Amino acid sequence: TEPHPKFPIALLHSSIKLTNEPPSGIRAGLKGSFQWLNQDVLDAISQPAWKSLLFALCFMHTAVQERRKFGPLGFNIPYEFNQSDLSASVQFLQNHLNDAESGGRGGDW
């Protein structure tokens, strides 16, 4: 919580502050990453690679969340890969696979 010139500091001091910490450990992190997924997202793409790629994205999200507690060790620039970044990555992957499927070609990798 940082002060802003247009926000009263007294209100900031008297308010309740909430934090959302990522779960501790890879298993708990993967559970947290998969919690927002529903069956519609899992069934959105018919390609066999979809679920494996989705797992890889969730695993990367969990690994980056776990690395945060070590600070800059191993990362040059600290970056929080949060839930909205994961959601945007899944959406991008979904759009890319849909385009590849409708174009009659495979993935561009």
N, C-alpha and C. Protein backbone atom coordinates (compact mmCIF):
# COMPACT_ATOMS: atom_id res chain seq x y z
N THR A 1 0.84 -1.17 0.00
CA THR A 1 0.00 0.00 0.00
C THR A 1 0.89 1.24 0.00
N GLU A 2 0.86 1.92 -1.09
CA GLU A 2 1.64 3.15 -1.22
C GLU A 2 0.70 4.34 -1.26
N PRO A 3 1.13 5.45 -0.67
CA PRO A 3 0.26 6.63 -0.70
C PRO A 3 0.15 7.21 -2.11
N HIS A 4 -1.00 7.77 -2.40
CA HIS A 4 -1.25 8.43 -3.68
C HIS A 4 -1.70 9.85 -3.37
N PRO A 5 -1.28 10.84 -4.14
CA PRO A 5 -1.62 12.23 -3.81
C PRO A 5 -3.12 12.51 -3.75
N LYS A 6 -3.93 11.77 -4.48
CA LYS A 6 -5.37 12.02 -4.49
C LYS A 6 -6.15 11.12 -3.54
N PHE A 7 -5.45 10.27 -2.79
CA PHE A 7 -6.11 9.36 -1.86
C PHE A 7 -5.73 9.76 -0.44
N PRO A 8 -6.71 9.99 0.44
CA PRO A 8 -6.39 10.45 1.80
C PRO A 8 -5.61 9.39 2.59
N ILE A 9 -4.50 9.81 3.16
CA ILE A 9 -3.63 8.89 3.89
C ILE A 9 -4.28 8.37 5.16
N ALA A 10 -5.11 9.17 5.80
CA ALA A 10 -5.80 8.73 7.01
C ALA A 10 -6.71 7.54 6.71
N LEU A 11 -7.37 7.57 5.57
CA LEU A 11 -8.24 6.47 5.17
C LEU A 11 -7.41 5.22 4.88
N LEU A 12 -6.26 5.40 4.29
CA LEU A 12 -5.37 4.28 4.01
C LEU A 12 -4.89 3.62 5.29
N HIS A 13 -4.55 4.42 6.29
CA HIS A 13 -4.07 3.87 7.56
C HIS A 13 -5.17 3.16 8.34
N SER A 14 -6.40 3.65 8.24
CA SER A 14 -7.48 3.07 9.04
C SER A 14 -8.19 1.91 8.33
N SER A 15 -7.86 1.67 7.08
CA SER A 15 -8.56 0.61 6.35
C SER A 15 -7.95 -0.77 6.61
N ILE A 16 -8.72 -1.79 6.30
CA ILE A 16 -8.26 -3.17 6.43
C ILE A 16 -7.54 -3.55 5.15
N LYS A 17 -6.38 -4.14 5.29
CA LYS A 17 -5.59 -4.53 4.13
C LYS A 17 -5.62 -6.04 3.96
N LEU A 18 -5.87 -6.49 2.75
CA LEU A 18 -5.92 -7.92 2.45
C LEU A 18 -4.81 -8.25 1.47
N THR A 19 -4.23 -9.43 1.64
CA THR A 19 -3.23 -9.90 0.68
C THR A 19 -3.65 -11.28 0.21
N ASN A 20 -3.26 -11.59 -0.99
CA ASN A 20 -3.55 -12.89 -1.56
C ASN A 20 -2.21 -13.56 -1.85
N GLU A 21 -1.76 -14.39 -0.95
CA GLU A 21 -0.49 -15.08 -1.11
C GLU A 21 -0.69 -16.38 -1.86
N PRO A 22 0.24 -16.71 -2.73
CA PRO A 22 0.13 -18.00 -3.43
C PRO A 22 0.34 -19.15 -2.46
N PRO A 23 -0.25 -20.30 -2.73
CA PRO A 23 -0.07 -21.45 -1.84
C PRO A 23 1.38 -21.90 -1.83
N SER A 24 1.78 -22.54 -0.75
CA SER A 24 3.16 -22.98 -0.60
C SER A 24 3.34 -24.39 -1.17
N GLY A 25 4.31 -24.55 -2.02
CA GLY A 25 4.61 -25.85 -2.59
C GLY A 25 4.05 -26.02 -3.99
N ILE A 26 4.70 -26.89 -4.75
CA ILE A 26 4.32 -27.13 -6.15
C ILE A 26 2.93 -27.76 -6.24
N ARG A 27 2.66 -28.75 -5.42
CA ARG A 27 1.37 -29.43 -5.48
C ARG A 27 0.23 -28.46 -5.17
N ALA A 28 0.39 -27.69 -4.10
CA ALA A 28 -0.65 -26.72 -3.74
C ALA A 28 -0.76 -25.63 -4.80
N GLY A 29 0.36 -25.25 -5.39
CA GLY A 29 0.33 -24.24 -6.45
C GLY A 29 -0.38 -24.73 -7.69
N LEU A 30 -0.15 -26.00 -8.05
CA LEU A 30 -0.85 -26.57 -9.20
C LEU A 30 -2.35 -26.67 -8.94
N LYS A 31 -2.71 -27.03 -7.72
CA LYS A 31 -4.13 -27.07 -7.38
C LYS A 31 -4.75 -25.69 -7.51
N GLY A 32 -4.02 -24.67 -7.04
CA GLY A 32 -4.51 -23.30 -7.16
C GLY A 32 -4.62 -22.84 -8.60
N SER A 33 -3.66 -23.26 -9.43
CA SER A 33 -3.69 -22.88 -10.85
C SER A 33 -4.85 -23.55 -11.57
N PHE A 34 -5.15 -24.79 -11.21
CA PHE A 34 -6.23 -25.52 -11.87
C PHE A 34 -7.62 -25.21 -11.32
N GLN A 35 -7.70 -24.51 -10.17
CA GLN A 35 -9.00 -24.25 -9.56
C GLN A 35 -9.92 -23.44 -10.44
N TRP A 36 -9.39 -22.50 -11.17
CA TRP A 36 -10.26 -21.63 -11.97
C TRP A 36 -10.68 -22.29 -13.28
N LEU A 37 -10.08 -23.42 -13.63
CA LEU A 37 -10.47 -24.12 -14.87
C LEU A 37 -11.78 -24.87 -14.65
N ASN A 38 -12.60 -24.88 -15.68
CA ASN A 38 -13.81 -25.68 -15.62
C ASN A 38 -13.81 -26.64 -16.81
N GLN A 39 -14.82 -27.47 -16.90
CA GLN A 39 -14.87 -28.49 -17.94
C GLN A 39 -14.96 -27.87 -19.33
N ASP A 40 -15.59 -26.70 -19.43
CA ASP A 40 -15.70 -26.04 -20.73
C ASP A 40 -14.32 -25.66 -21.28
N VAL A 41 -13.43 -25.19 -20.41
CA VAL A 41 -12.07 -24.83 -20.85
C VAL A 41 -11.32 -26.09 -21.27
N LEU A 42 -11.47 -27.17 -20.51
CA LEU A 42 -10.77 -28.41 -20.84
C LEU A 42 -11.26 -29.00 -22.15
N ASP A 43 -12.55 -28.84 -22.45
CA ASP A 43 -13.13 -29.41 -23.67
C ASP A 43 -13.16 -28.42 -24.83
N ALA A 44 -12.57 -27.25 -24.66
CA ALA A 44 -12.65 -26.20 -25.68
C ALA A 44 -11.92 -26.58 -26.96
N ILE A 45 -10.84 -27.31 -26.85
CA ILE A 45 -10.01 -27.69 -28.00
C ILE A 45 -10.01 -29.21 -28.12
N SER A 46 -10.17 -29.68 -29.35
CA SER A 46 -10.22 -31.13 -29.54
C SER A 46 -8.84 -31.74 -29.82
N GLN A 47 -7.83 -30.90 -30.02
CA GLN A 47 -6.49 -31.43 -30.30
C GLN A 47 -5.94 -32.14 -29.07
N PRO A 48 -5.23 -33.26 -29.28
CA PRO A 48 -4.71 -34.01 -28.13
C PRO A 48 -3.65 -33.26 -27.33
N ALA A 49 -2.98 -32.30 -27.94
CA ALA A 49 -1.92 -31.56 -27.24
C ALA A 49 -2.48 -30.50 -26.29
N TRP A 50 -3.76 -30.17 -26.39
CA TRP A 50 -4.35 -29.09 -25.60
C TRP A 50 -4.17 -29.27 -24.10
N LYS A 51 -4.52 -30.43 -23.60
CA LYS A 51 -4.45 -30.65 -22.15
C LYS A 51 -3.00 -30.67 -21.66
N SER A 52 -2.10 -31.19 -22.48
CA SER A 52 -0.67 -31.18 -22.10
C SER A 52 -0.13 -29.75 -22.07
N LEU A 53 -0.51 -28.95 -23.05
CA LEU A 53 -0.07 -27.55 -23.08
C LEU A 53 -0.68 -26.76 -21.93
N LEU A 54 -1.91 -27.05 -21.60
CA LEU A 54 -2.56 -26.40 -20.48
C LEU A 54 -1.85 -26.74 -19.16
N PHE A 55 -1.48 -28.01 -19.02
CA PHE A 55 -0.72 -28.41 -17.83
C PHE A 55 0.62 -27.69 -17.79
N ALA A 56 1.30 -27.58 -18.93
CA ALA A 56 2.60 -26.91 -18.98
C ALA A 56 2.48 -25.44 -18.57
N LEU A 57 1.42 -24.77 -19.03
CA LEU A 57 1.21 -23.37 -18.62
C LEU A 57 0.96 -23.25 -17.12
N CYS A 58 0.15 -24.14 -16.59
CA CYS A 58 -0.15 -24.11 -15.15
C CYS A 58 1.10 -24.45 -14.33
N PHE A 59 1.91 -25.36 -14.83
CA PHE A 59 3.14 -25.71 -14.13
C PHE A 59 4.11 -24.53 -14.13
N MET A 60 4.23 -23.84 -15.29
CA MET A 60 5.09 -22.67 -15.34
C MET A 60 4.59 -21.57 -14.40
N HIS A 61 3.28 -21.38 -14.35
CA HIS A 61 2.69 -20.40 -13.44
C HIS A 61 3.06 -20.73 -11.99
N THR A 62 2.95 -22.00 -11.64
CA THR A 62 3.28 -22.43 -10.29
C THR A 62 4.77 -22.25 -9.99
N ALA A 63 5.62 -22.58 -10.94
CA ALA A 63 7.07 -22.44 -10.73
C ALA A 63 7.46 -20.98 -10.54
N VAL A 64 6.87 -20.08 -11.31
CA VAL A 64 7.19 -18.66 -11.16
C VAL A 64 6.67 -18.15 -9.83
N GLN A 65 5.49 -18.60 -9.42
CA GLN A 65 4.95 -18.19 -8.12
C GLN A 65 5.84 -18.69 -6.97
N GLU A 66 6.36 -19.90 -7.10
CA GLU A 66 7.25 -20.46 -6.08
C GLU A 66 8.58 -19.71 -6.02
N ARG A 67 9.11 -19.31 -7.17
CA ARG A 67 10.40 -18.63 -7.23
C ARG A 67 10.34 -17.26 -6.58
N ARG A 68 9.16 -16.67 -6.47
CA ARG A 68 9.05 -15.32 -5.89
C ARG A 68 9.60 -15.26 -4.48
N LYS A 69 9.46 -16.32 -3.73
CA LYS A 69 9.90 -16.27 -2.33
C LYS A 69 11.43 -16.24 -2.20
N PHE A 70 12.14 -16.55 -3.28
CA PHE A 70 13.60 -16.50 -3.24
C PHE A 70 14.14 -15.14 -3.67
N GLY A 71 13.26 -14.23 -4.04
CA GLY A 71 13.69 -12.90 -4.44
C GLY A 71 14.38 -12.91 -5.79
N PRO A 72 15.35 -12.03 -5.97
CA PRO A 72 15.99 -11.91 -7.28
C PRO A 72 16.96 -13.05 -7.61
N LEU A 73 17.16 -13.97 -6.69
CA LEU A 73 18.05 -15.08 -6.94
C LEU A 73 17.54 -15.92 -8.12
N GLY A 74 18.27 -15.96 -9.19
CA GLY A 74 17.87 -16.77 -10.33
C GLY A 74 17.07 -16.01 -11.36
N PHE A 75 16.48 -14.89 -10.99
CA PHE A 75 15.75 -14.05 -11.95
C PHE A 75 16.41 -12.69 -11.96
N ASN A 76 16.63 -12.11 -13.13
CA ASN A 76 17.22 -10.77 -13.20
C ASN A 76 16.18 -9.71 -12.84
N ILE A 77 14.98 -9.90 -13.32
CA ILE A 77 13.92 -8.93 -13.07
C ILE A 77 12.77 -9.64 -12.37
N PRO A 78 12.40 -9.21 -11.17
CA PRO A 78 11.27 -9.86 -10.50
C PRO A 78 9.97 -9.58 -11.26
N TYR A 79 9.20 -10.62 -11.52
CA TYR A 79 7.93 -10.48 -12.23
C TYR A 79 6.92 -11.42 -11.61
N GLU A 80 5.76 -10.89 -11.31
CA GLU A 80 4.69 -11.71 -10.76
C GLU A 80 3.82 -12.22 -11.90
N PHE A 81 3.88 -13.49 -12.15
CA PHE A 81 3.01 -14.11 -13.15
C PHE A 81 1.74 -14.49 -12.41
N ASN A 82 0.79 -13.55 -12.37
CA ASN A 82 -0.39 -13.77 -11.54
C ASN A 82 -1.52 -14.45 -12.32
N GLN A 83 -2.67 -14.54 -11.71
CA GLN A 83 -3.79 -15.28 -12.29
C GLN A 83 -4.26 -14.67 -13.60
N SER A 84 -4.25 -13.36 -13.71
CA SER A 84 -4.69 -12.75 -14.96
C SER A 84 -3.71 -13.04 -16.09
N ASP A 85 -2.41 -13.14 -15.78
CA ASP A 85 -1.43 -13.51 -16.80
C ASP A 85 -1.64 -14.95 -17.26
N LEU A 86 -1.92 -15.82 -16.32
CA LEU A 86 -2.19 -17.22 -16.67
C LEU A 86 -3.45 -17.31 -17.53
N SER A 87 -4.47 -16.58 -17.16
CA SER A 87 -5.72 -16.58 -17.91
C SER A 87 -5.50 -16.06 -19.34
N ALA A 88 -4.72 -14.99 -19.47
CA ALA A 88 -4.43 -14.43 -20.80
C ALA A 88 -3.60 -15.41 -21.63
N SER A 89 -2.67 -16.12 -21.00
CA SER A 89 -1.86 -17.10 -21.71
C SER A 89 -2.70 -18.27 -22.20
N VAL A 90 -3.63 -18.72 -21.37
CA VAL A 90 -4.52 -19.82 -21.77
C VAL A 90 -5.40 -19.36 -22.93
N GLN A 91 -5.90 -18.13 -22.85
CA GLN A 91 -6.74 -17.59 -23.92
C GLN A 91 -5.96 -17.48 -25.23
N PHE A 92 -4.70 -17.01 -25.14
CA PHE A 92 -3.86 -16.91 -26.34
C PHE A 92 -3.61 -18.28 -26.95
N LEU A 93 -3.29 -19.25 -26.10
CA LEU A 93 -3.04 -20.61 -26.58
C LEU A 93 -4.29 -21.20 -27.22
N GLN A 94 -5.42 -20.95 -26.60
CA GLN A 94 -6.70 -21.44 -27.13
C GLN A 94 -6.98 -20.82 -28.51
N ASN A 95 -6.78 -19.51 -28.63
CA ASN A 95 -7.00 -18.84 -29.92
C ASN A 95 -6.03 -19.35 -30.98
N HIS A 96 -4.78 -19.54 -30.61
CA HIS A 96 -3.78 -20.02 -31.55
C HIS A 96 -4.13 -21.43 -32.04
N LEU A 97 -4.51 -22.30 -31.15
CA LEU A 97 -4.86 -23.66 -31.55
C LEU A 97 -6.14 -23.69 -32.38
N ASN A 98 -7.10 -22.81 -32.06
CA ASN A 98 -8.32 -22.72 -32.87
C ASN A 98 -8.01 -22.24 -34.28
N ASP A 99 -7.12 -21.24 -34.40
CA ASP A 99 -6.72 -20.75 -35.72
C ASP A 99 -6.00 -21.83 -36.51
N ALA A 100 -5.11 -22.56 -35.82
CA ALA A 100 -4.37 -23.63 -36.50
C ALA A 100 -5.31 -24.74 -36.94
N GLU A 101 -6.30 -25.04 -36.13
CA GLU A 101 -7.25 -26.11 -36.45
C GLU A 101 -8.17 -25.71 -37.61
N SER A 102 -8.62 -24.48 -37.61
CA SER A 102 -9.52 -24.03 -38.67
C SER A 102 -8.78 -23.82 -39.99
N GLY A 103 -7.46 -23.56 -39.91
CA GLY A 103 -6.67 -23.37 -41.10
C GLY A 103 -6.21 -24.68 -41.70
N GLY A 104 -6.46 -25.78 -41.04
CA GLY A 104 -6.08 -27.09 -41.54
C GLY A 104 -4.59 -27.39 -41.40
N ARG A 105 -3.93 -26.65 -40.54
CA ARG A 105 -2.50 -26.92 -40.33
C ARG A 105 -2.29 -27.22 -38.85
N GLY A 106 -1.15 -27.79 -38.55
CA GLY A 106 -0.82 -28.09 -37.16
C GLY A 106 -0.31 -26.86 -36.44
N GLY A 107 0.24 -27.08 -35.28
CA GLY A 107 0.81 -25.99 -34.51
C GLY A 107 2.06 -25.43 -35.19
N ASP A 108 2.38 -24.18 -34.90
CA ASP A 108 3.54 -23.52 -35.52
C ASP A 108 4.81 -23.74 -34.71
N TRP A 109 4.91 -24.83 -34.07
CA TRP A 109 6.13 -25.09 -33.32
C TRP A 109 6.85 -26.17 -34.00
